[in-house]
């Protein structure tokens, strides 16, 4: 069969299927009254905000492994960094090793 007719028949069947889906789809009301006890938008927003607040505070031991928020730089929190040894010491050690 010619590729043109194959492509045309595929396109035609897709268009027929889409048109049938459009015509025979279920038409349900989108914004009808939900009735007694249904959750409204403001309740959902309050629920999401409460959940976000609850998740913002770390609990359990796992929060100790997570990085903390940056705080003011303190001298008590830092380890003093000493100046590295001079190159003279390196050269003396290298010469001593070469003499071995």
Protein backbone atom coordinates (compact mmCIF):
# COMPACT_ATOMS: atom_id res chain seq x y z
CA UNK A 1 0.00 0.00 0.00
CA UNK A 2 1.23 3.46 -0.78
CA UNK A 3 2.67 5.32 2.28
CA UNK A 4 0.49 8.31 1.45
CA UNK A 5 -2.70 6.28 1.87
CA UNK A 6 -1.40 4.69 5.07
CA UNK A 7 -0.63 8.09 6.61
CA UNK A 8 -3.96 9.48 5.42
CA UNK A 9 -5.91 6.58 6.92
CA UNK A 10 -4.06 6.95 10.27
CA UNK A 11 -4.79 10.67 10.32
CA UNK A 12 -8.44 10.08 9.42
CA UNK A 13 -8.90 7.47 12.15
CA UNK A 14 -7.31 9.79 14.73
CA UNK A 15 -9.61 12.65 13.72
CA UNK A 16 -12.63 10.35 13.84
CA UNK A 17 -11.67 9.09 17.31
CA UNK A 18 -11.12 12.60 18.66
CA UNK A 19 -14.43 13.83 17.28
CA UNK A 20 -16.28 10.85 18.81
CA UNK A 21 -14.62 11.49 22.17
CA UNK A 22 -15.66 15.14 22.01
CA UNK A 23 -19.28 14.34 21.11
CA UNK A 24 -19.85 11.47 23.56
CA UNK A 25 -17.84 12.62 26.57
CA UNK A 26 -19.50 12.67 29.99
CA UNK A 27 -20.74 16.12 30.80
CA UNK A 28 -20.45 16.55 34.55
CA UNK A 29 -20.98 19.85 36.33
CA UNK A 30 -17.63 21.37 37.19
CA UNK A 31 -18.57 23.83 39.94
CA UNK A 32 -21.74 22.49 41.44
CA UNK A 33 -22.55 22.81 45.13
CA UNK A 34 -20.62 20.16 47.01
CA UNK A 35 -23.09 19.81 49.83
CA UNK A 36 -22.77 19.43 53.58
CA UNK A 37 -19.32 18.67 54.98
CA UNK A 38 -17.40 19.41 51.77
CA UNK A 39 -14.01 21.08 52.01
CA UNK A 40 -13.85 24.56 50.53
CA UNK A 41 -10.88 26.49 49.15
CA UNK A 42 -10.19 28.44 52.34
CA UNK A 43 -10.04 25.25 54.39
CA UNK A 44 -7.58 23.78 51.90
CA UNK A 45 -5.40 26.91 52.07
CA UNK A 46 -5.40 26.80 55.89
CA UNK A 47 -4.52 23.10 55.79
CA UNK A 48 -1.57 23.70 53.43
CA UNK A 49 -0.27 26.61 55.53
CA UNK A 50 -0.50 24.57 58.73
CA UNK A 51 1.32 21.67 57.07
CA UNK A 52 4.06 23.99 55.81
CA UNK A 53 4.49 25.47 59.30
CA UNK A 54 4.59 21.98 60.82
CA UNK A 55 7.21 20.83 58.30
CA UNK A 56 9.34 23.95 58.81
CA UNK A 57 10.39 22.94 62.32
CA UNK A 58 12.78 19.97 62.29
CA UNK A 59 11.99 16.99 64.49
CA UNK A 60 13.86 13.84 65.37
CA UNK A 61 17.53 13.08 65.10
CA UNK A 62 17.71 13.42 61.33
CA UNK A 63 17.57 17.21 61.53
CA UNK A 64 21.01 17.21 63.14
CA UNK A 65 22.53 16.03 59.87
CA UNK A 66 20.89 18.73 57.77
CA UNK A 67 22.69 22.05 57.36
CA UNK A 68 21.53 24.79 59.68
CA UNK A 69 20.50 28.27 58.69
CA UNK A 70 23.45 30.67 58.43
CA UNK A 71 23.99 32.57 61.67
CA UNK A 72 26.25 35.34 62.85
CA UNK A 73 29.92 34.40 62.67
CA UNK A 74 31.18 33.46 66.11
CA UNK A 75 34.70 32.72 67.27
CA UNK A 76 33.39 29.89 69.44
CA UNK A 77 32.03 27.98 66.45
CA UNK A 78 35.19 28.11 64.35
CA UNK A 79 38.34 26.05 64.47
CA UNK A 80 41.50 28.16 64.35
CA UNK A 81 43.41 27.68 61.10
CA UNK A 82 47.13 27.64 61.61
CA UNK A 83 49.56 28.87 59.01
CA UNK A 84 51.02 25.99 56.99
CA UNK A 85 54.66 25.09 57.57
CA UNK A 86 57.21 26.92 55.47
CA UNK A 87 58.76 25.48 52.34
CA UNK A 88 62.10 25.34 54.15
CA UNK A 89 60.77 22.53 56.33
CA UNK A 90 59.54 20.70 53.22
CA UNK A 91 62.96 20.99 51.58
CA UNK A 92 64.73 19.71 54.69
CA UNK A 93 62.41 16.70 54.90
CA UNK A 94 62.87 16.00 51.19
CA UNK A 95 66.67 16.15 51.50
CA UNK A 96 66.57 13.83 54.52
CA UNK A 97 64.45 11.34 52.61
CA UNK A 98 66.78 11.45 49.62
CA UNK A 99 69.76 10.72 51.88
CA UNK A 100 68.16 7.51 53.07
